[in-house]
C-alpha atoms as a PDB file:
ATOM      1  CA  UNK A   1       4.267 -29.874 -11.805  1.00  0.00           C
ATOM      2  CA  UNK A   2       2.513 -28.180  -8.877  1.00  0.00           C
ATOM      3  CA  UNK A   3       2.676 -29.802  -5.463  1.00  0.00           C
ATOM      4  CA  UNK A   4       0.250 -29.595  -2.554  1.00  0.00           C
ATOM      5  CA  UNK A   5       1.005 -30.489   1.009  1.00  0.00           C
ATOM      6  CA  UNK A   6      -1.222 -33.063   2.654  1.00  0.00           C
ATOM      7  CA  UNK A   7      -2.320 -32.796   6.268  1.00  0.00           C
ATOM      8  CA  UNK A   8       0.715 -34.919   7.150  1.00  0.00           C
ATOM      9  CA  UNK A   9       3.025 -32.457   5.403  1.00  0.00           C
ATOM     10  CA  UNK A  10       3.775 -34.739   2.459  1.00  0.00           C
ATOM     11  CA  UNK A  11       4.136 -33.043  -0.933  1.00  0.00           C
ATOM     12  CA  UNK A  12       1.769 -34.583  -3.473  1.00  0.00           C
ATOM     13  CA  UNK A  13       2.153 -33.699  -7.166  1.00  0.00           C
ATOM     14  CA  UNK A  14      -0.968 -32.329  -8.824  1.00  0.00           C
ATOM     15  CA  UNK A  15      -1.112 -32.120 -12.610  1.00  0.00           C
ATOM     16  CA  UNK A  16      -1.322 -28.565 -13.920  1.00  0.00           C
ATOM     17  CA  UNK A  17      -4.380 -27.318 -15.717  1.00  0.00           C
ATOM     18  CA  UNK A  18      -3.741 -26.988 -19.453  1.00  0.00           C
ATOM     19  CA  UNK A  19      -4.602 -23.258 -19.489  1.00  0.00           C
ATOM     20  CA  UNK A  20      -4.003 -22.711 -23.193  1.00  0.00           C
ATOM     21  CA  UNK A  21      -6.353 -25.533 -24.110  1.00  0.00           C
ATOM     22  CA  UNK A  22      -8.918 -24.504 -21.515  1.00  0.00           C
ATOM     23  CA  UNK A  23      -8.844 -20.886 -22.709  1.00  0.00           C
ATOM     24  CA  UNK A  24      -9.140 -21.807 -26.393  1.00  0.00           C
ATOM     25  CA  UNK A  25     -11.920 -24.295 -25.796  1.00  0.00           C
ATOM     26  CA  UNK A  26     -14.040 -22.229 -23.413  1.00  0.00           C
ATOM     27  CA  UNK A  27     -13.290 -18.507 -23.762  1.00  0.00           C
ATOM     28  CA  UNK A  28     -16.102 -17.708 -26.194  1.00  0.00           C
ATOM     29  CA  UNK A  29     -18.506 -19.854 -24.184  1.00  0.00           C
ATOM     30  CA  UNK A  30     -17.649 -17.803 -21.107  1.00  0.00           C
ATOM     31  CA  UNK A  31     -18.182 -14.605 -23.136  1.00  0.00           C
ATOM     32  CA  UNK A  32     -21.650 -15.862 -24.128  1.00  0.00           C
ATOM     33  CA  UNK A  33     -22.382 -16.772 -20.509  1.00  0.00           C
ATOM     34  CA  UNK A  34     -21.378 -13.301 -19.318  1.00  0.00           C
ATOM     35  CA  UNK A  35     -23.491 -11.695 -22.061  1.00  0.00           C
ATOM     36  CA  UNK A  36     -26.509 -13.820 -21.153  1.00  0.00           C
ATOM     37  CA  UNK A  37     -26.057 -12.856 -17.510  1.00  0.00           C
ATOM     38  CA  UNK A  38     -26.212  -9.206 -18.565  1.00  0.00           C
ATOM     39  CA  UNK A  39     -22.589  -8.099 -18.306  1.00  0.00           C
ATOM     40  CA  UNK A  40     -21.962  -4.876 -20.208  1.00  0.00           C
ATOM     41  CA  UNK A  41     -18.433  -6.006 -21.127  1.00  0.00           C
ATOM     42  CA  UNK A  42     -18.626  -9.797 -21.431  1.00  0.00           C
ATOM     43  CA  UNK A  43     -15.198 -10.268 -23.044  1.00  0.00           C
ATOM     44  CA  UNK A  44     -13.526  -8.463 -20.138  1.00  0.00           C
ATOM     45  CA  UNK A  45     -15.491 -10.534 -17.633  1.00  0.00           C
ATOM     46  CA  UNK A  46     -14.415 -13.787 -19.307  1.00  0.00           C
ATOM     47  CA  UNK A  47     -10.804 -12.697 -19.600  1.00  0.00           C
ATOM     48  CA  UNK A  48     -10.714 -11.627 -15.941  1.00  0.00           C
ATOM     49  CA  UNK A  49     -12.088 -15.035 -14.948  1.00  0.00           C
ATOM     50  CA  UNK A  50      -9.265 -16.809 -16.762  1.00  0.00           C
ATOM     51  CA  UNK A  51      -6.714 -14.460 -15.196  1.00  0.00           C
ATOM     52  CA  UNK A  52      -8.107 -15.216 -11.717  1.00  0.00           C
ATOM     53  CA  UNK A  53      -7.902 -18.934 -12.479  1.00  0.00           C
ATOM     54  CA  UNK A  54      -4.280 -18.591 -13.525  1.00  0.00           C
ATOM     55  CA  UNK A  55      -3.415 -16.676 -10.343  1.00  0.00           C
ATOM     56  CA  UNK A  56      -5.109 -19.262  -8.140  1.00  0.00           C
ATOM     57  CA  UNK A  57      -3.847 -22.305 -10.025  1.00  0.00           C
ATOM     58  CA  UNK A  58      -1.786 -23.486  -7.071  1.00  0.00           C
ATOM     59  CA  UNK A  59      -4.912 -23.620  -4.909  1.00  0.00           C
ATOM     60  CA  UNK A  60      -6.822 -25.918  -7.270  1.00  0.00           C
ATOM     61  CA  UNK A  61      -6.487 -29.453  -6.007  1.00  0.00           C
ATOM     62  CA  UNK A  62      -8.408 -30.925  -8.927  1.00  0.00           C
ATOM     63  CA  UNK A  63      -7.525 -29.771 -12.447  1.00  0.00           C
ATOM     64  CA  UNK A  64     -11.000 -30.891 -13.524  1.00  0.00           C
ATOM     65  CA  UNK A  65     -12.446 -28.133 -11.312  1.00  0.00           C
ATOM     66  CA  UNK A  66     -10.816 -25.388 -13.394  1.00  0.00           C
ATOM     67  CA  UNK A  67     -13.769 -24.975 -15.755  1.00  0.00           C
ATOM     68  CA  UNK A  68     -16.206 -24.855 -12.845  1.00  0.00           C
ATOM     69  CA  UNK A  69     -14.002 -22.218 -11.216  1.00  0.00           C
ATOM     70  CA  UNK A  70     -13.997 -20.084 -14.379  1.00  0.00           C
ATOM     71  CA  UNK A  71     -17.751 -20.483 -14.759  1.00  0.00           C
ATOM     72  CA  UNK A  72     -18.394 -19.426 -11.153  1.00  0.00           C
ATOM     73  CA  UNK A  73     -16.009 -16.522 -11.566  1.00  0.00           C
ATOM     74  CA  UNK A  74     -17.891 -15.304 -14.665  1.00  0.00           C
ATOM     75  CA  UNK A  75     -21.214 -15.561 -12.819  1.00  0.00           C
ATOM     76  CA  UNK A  76     -19.914 -13.673  -9.788  1.00  0.00           C
ATOM     77  CA  UNK A  77     -18.244 -10.951 -11.851  1.00  0.00           C
ATOM     78  CA  UNK A  78     -21.355 -10.465 -13.999  1.00  0.00           C
ATOM     79  CA  UNK A  79     -23.526 -10.176 -10.894  1.00  0.00           C
ATOM     80  CA  UNK A  80     -21.102  -7.730  -9.323  1.00  0.00           C
ATOM     81  CA  UNK A  81     -20.969  -5.551 -12.441  1.00  0.00           C
ATOM     82  CA  UNK A  82     -24.761  -5.513 -12.731  1.00  0.00           C
ATOM     83  CA  UNK A  83     -25.037  -4.461  -9.095  1.00  0.00           C
ATOM     84  CA  UNK A  84     -22.495  -1.712  -9.716  1.00  0.00           C
ATOM     85  CA  UNK A  85     -24.338  -0.499 -12.825  1.00  0.00           C
ATOM     86  CA  UNK A  86     -27.680  -0.428 -10.994  1.00  0.00           C
ATOM     87  CA  UNK A  87     -26.148   1.619  -8.200  1.00  0.00           C
ATOM     88  CA  UNK A  88     -24.418   3.982 -10.624  1.00  0.00           C
ATOM     89  CA  UNK A  89     -27.626   4.507 -12.609  1.00  0.00           C
ATOM     90  CA  UNK A  90     -29.603   5.136  -9.423  1.00  0.00           C
ATOM     91  CA  UNK A  91     -27.037   7.685  -8.261  1.00  0.00           C
ATOM     92  CA  UNK A  92     -26.950   9.312 -11.678  1.00  0.00           C
ATOM     93  CA  UNK A  93     -30.749   9.652 -11.598  1.00  0.00           C
ATOM     94  CA  UNK A  94     -30.515  11.231  -8.140  1.00  0.00           C
ATOM     95  CA  UNK A  95     -27.952  13.734  -9.384  1.00  0.00           C
ATOM     96  CA  UNK A  96     -30.115  14.704 -12.334  1.00  0.00           C
ATOM     97  CA  UNK A  97     -32.362  17.281 -10.755  1.00  0.00           C
ATOM     98  CA  UNK A  98     -35.863  17.124 -12.161  1.00  0.00           C
ATOM     99  CA  UNK A  99     -37.599  20.481 -12.651  1.00  0.00           C
ATOM    100  CA  UNK A 100     -40.279  21.346 -10.135  1.00  0.00           C
ATOM    101  CA  UNK A 101     -43.870  20.909 -11.302  1.00  0.00           C
ATOM    102  CA  UNK A 102     -44.286  24.665 -11.522  1.00  0.00           C
ATOM    103  CA  UNK A 103     -40.713  25.182 -12.711  1.00  0.00           C
ATOM    104  CA  UNK A 104     -39.890  26.771 -15.988  1.00  0.00           C
ATOM    105  CA  UNK A 105     -37.395  25.446 -18.511  1.00  0.00           C
ATOM    106  CA  UNK A 106     -35.058  28.231 -17.363  1.00  0.00           C
ATOM    107  CA  UNK A 107     -35.274  26.988 -13.754  1.00  0.00           C
ATOM    108  CA  UNK A 108     -34.587  23.421 -14.885  1.00  0.00           C
ATOM    109  CA  UNK A 109     -31.536  24.595 -16.852  1.00  0.00           C
ATOM    110  CA  UNK A 110     -30.213  26.469 -13.803  1.00  0.00           C
ATOM    111  CA  UNK A 111     -30.754  23.399 -11.611  1.00  0.00           C
ATOM    112  CA  UNK A 112     -28.821  21.240 -14.087  1.00  0.00           C
ATOM    113  CA  UNK A 113     -26.030  23.823 -14.138  1.00  0.00           C
ATOM    114  CA  UNK A 114     -25.876  23.701 -10.321  1.00  0.00           C
ATOM    115  CA  UNK A 115     -25.363  19.929 -10.422  1.00  0.00           C
ATOM    116  CA  UNK A 116     -22.694  20.271 -13.109  1.00  0.00           C
ATOM    117  CA  UNK A 117     -20.972  22.985 -11.055  1.00  0.00           C
ATOM    118  CA  UNK A 118     -20.977  20.745  -7.976  1.00  0.00           C
ATOM    119  CA  UNK A 119     -19.502  17.851  -9.953  1.00  0.00           C
ATOM    120  CA  UNK A 120     -16.749  20.102 -11.339  1.00  0.00           C
ATOM    121  CA  UNK A 121     -15.974  21.285  -7.807  1.00  0.00           C
ATOM    122  CA  UNK A 122     -15.757  17.691  -6.548  1.00  0.00           C
ATOM    123  CA  UNK A 123     -13.440  16.811  -9.456  1.00  0.00           C
ATOM    124  CA  UNK A 124     -11.164  19.695  -8.450  1.00  0.00           C
ATOM    125  CA  UNK A 125     -10.660  18.343  -4.912  1.00  0.00           C
ATOM    126  CA  UNK A 126      -7.467  16.479  -3.987  1.00  0.00           C
ATOM    127  CA  UNK A 127      -7.720  12.756  -4.775  1.00  0.00           C
ATOM    128  CA  UNK A 128      -8.101  11.529  -1.184  1.00  0.00           C
ATOM    129  CA  UNK A 129     -10.764  14.112  -0.314  1.00  0.00           C
ATOM    130  CA  UNK A 130     -12.682  13.242  -3.484  1.00  0.00           C
ATOM    131  CA  UNK A 131     -12.490   9.519  -2.677  1.00  0.00           C
ATOM    132  CA  UNK A 132     -13.758  10.076   0.855  1.00  0.00           C
ATOM    133  CA  UNK A 133     -16.684  12.214  -0.338  1.00  0.00           C
ATOM    134  CA  UNK A 134     -17.687   9.738  -3.005  1.00  0.00           C
ATOM    135  CA  UNK A 135     -17.469   6.695  -0.743  1.00  0.00           C
ATOM    136  CA  UNK A 136     -19.036   8.410   2.243  1.00  0.00           C
ATOM    137  CA  UNK A 137     -21.863  10.361   0.651  1.00  0.00           C
ATOM    138  CA  UNK A 138     -22.393   9.034  -2.864  1.00  0.00           C
ATOM    139  CA  UNK A 139     -22.104   5.350  -1.960  1.00  0.00           C
ATOM    140  CA  UNK A 140     -23.439   6.039   1.558  1.00  0.00           C
ATOM    141  CA  UNK A 141     -20.743   4.011   3.307  1.00  0.00           C
ATOM    142  CA  UNK A 142     -20.181   4.473   7.015  1.00  0.00           C
ATOM    143  CA  UNK A 143     -17.018   6.138   8.242  1.00  0.00           C
ATOM    144  CA  UNK A 144     -15.673   2.699   9.211  1.00  0.00           C
ATOM    145  CA  UNK A 145     -16.485   1.185   5.779  1.00  0.00           C
ATOM    146  CA  UNK A 146     -14.886   4.162   4.050  1.00  0.00           C
ATOM    147  CA  UNK A 147     -11.784   3.833   6.218  1.00  0.00           C
ATOM    148  CA  UNK A 148     -11.549   0.104   5.523  1.00  0.00           C
ATOM    149  CA  UNK A 149     -11.981   0.645   1.784  1.00  0.00           C
ATOM    150  CA  UNK A 150      -9.226   3.256   1.657  1.00  0.00           C
ATOM    151  CA  UNK A 151      -6.978   1.547   4.193  1.00  0.00           C
ATOM    152  CA  UNK A 152      -6.891   4.559   6.526  1.00  0.00           C
ATOM    153  CA  UNK A 153      -8.056   5.370  10.049  1.00  0.00           C
ATOM    154  CA  UNK A 154     -11.599   6.572  10.768  1.00  0.00           C
ATOM    155  CA  UNK A 155     -10.148   9.876  11.985  1.00  0.00           C
ATOM    156  CA  UNK A 156      -8.486  10.339   8.601  1.00  0.00           C
ATOM    157  CA  UNK A 157     -11.843   9.836   6.889  1.00  0.00           C
ATOM    158  CA  UNK A 158     -13.426  12.430   9.184  1.00  0.00           C
ATOM    159  CA  UNK A 159     -10.639  14.919   8.551  1.00  0.00           C
ATOM    160  CA  UNK A 160     -10.710  14.510   4.762  1.00  0.00           C
ATOM    161  CA  UNK A 161     -14.512  14.731   4.680  1.00  0.00           C
ATOM    162  CA  UNK A 162     -14.469  17.888   6.762  1.00  0.00           C
ATOM    163  CA  UNK A 163     -11.791  19.513   4.608  1.00  0.00           C
ATOM    164  CA  UNK A 164     -13.549  18.495   1.405  1.00  0.00           C
ATOM    165  CA  UNK A 165     -16.891  19.901   2.512  1.00  0.00           C
ATOM    166  CA  UNK A 166     -15.233  23.156   3.594  1.00  0.00           C
ATOM    167  CA  UNK A 167     -13.394  23.385   0.249  1.00  0.00           C
ATOM    168  CA  UNK A 168     -16.607  22.741  -1.671  1.00  0.00           C
ATOM    169  CA  UNK A 169     -18.382  25.410   0.374  1.00  0.00           C
ATOM    170  CA  UNK A 170     -15.675  27.924  -0.485  1.00  0.00           C
ATOM    171  CA  UNK A 171     -15.570  26.973  -4.170  1.00  0.00           C
ATOM    172  CA  UNK A 172     -19.325  27.097  -4.605  1.00  0.00           C
ATOM    173  CA  UNK A 173     -19.707  30.285  -2.578  1.00  0.00           C
ATOM    174  CA  UNK A 174     -17.194  32.088  -4.814  1.00  0.00           C
ATOM    175  CA  UNK A 175     -18.995  31.193  -8.041  1.00  0.00           C
ATOM    176  CA  UNK A 176     -21.698  33.572  -9.284  1.00  0.00           C
END
């Protein structure tokens, strides 16, 4: 039995949520909810919600709130994944270089090859430099946001970005 401390410091027993029963009774309903909310991977969203509930079980003061917690978790995760997908699609569309109005199919093919070459060069960078470039320029985070995301100092972000840009310049300059 889980115990919570009251404001007076007294341990009060709180009955545990019957997770097996809750999962069996509501998993597929949560999958349907995630699907209706537009999640691209509704089973993963539902499963993650139940995992989060299990991890936070000691913080639930009312076992009857467990289903509401799972439901809210599914809604939040679905919204977050949709936001991520919209951003990824927008960035992908920006990377896909459209041919100029007067451009020829050959020009369009060369432009596409340039984008592919840049992406290969970014993939070849060391992990930390690649992360900084993606967060800083692809996601358009500030130096501070990038530093906070990676758990490093702002100066480290600046140094990695500078090195990565220099490395990309060298790699792309050397290619025909």
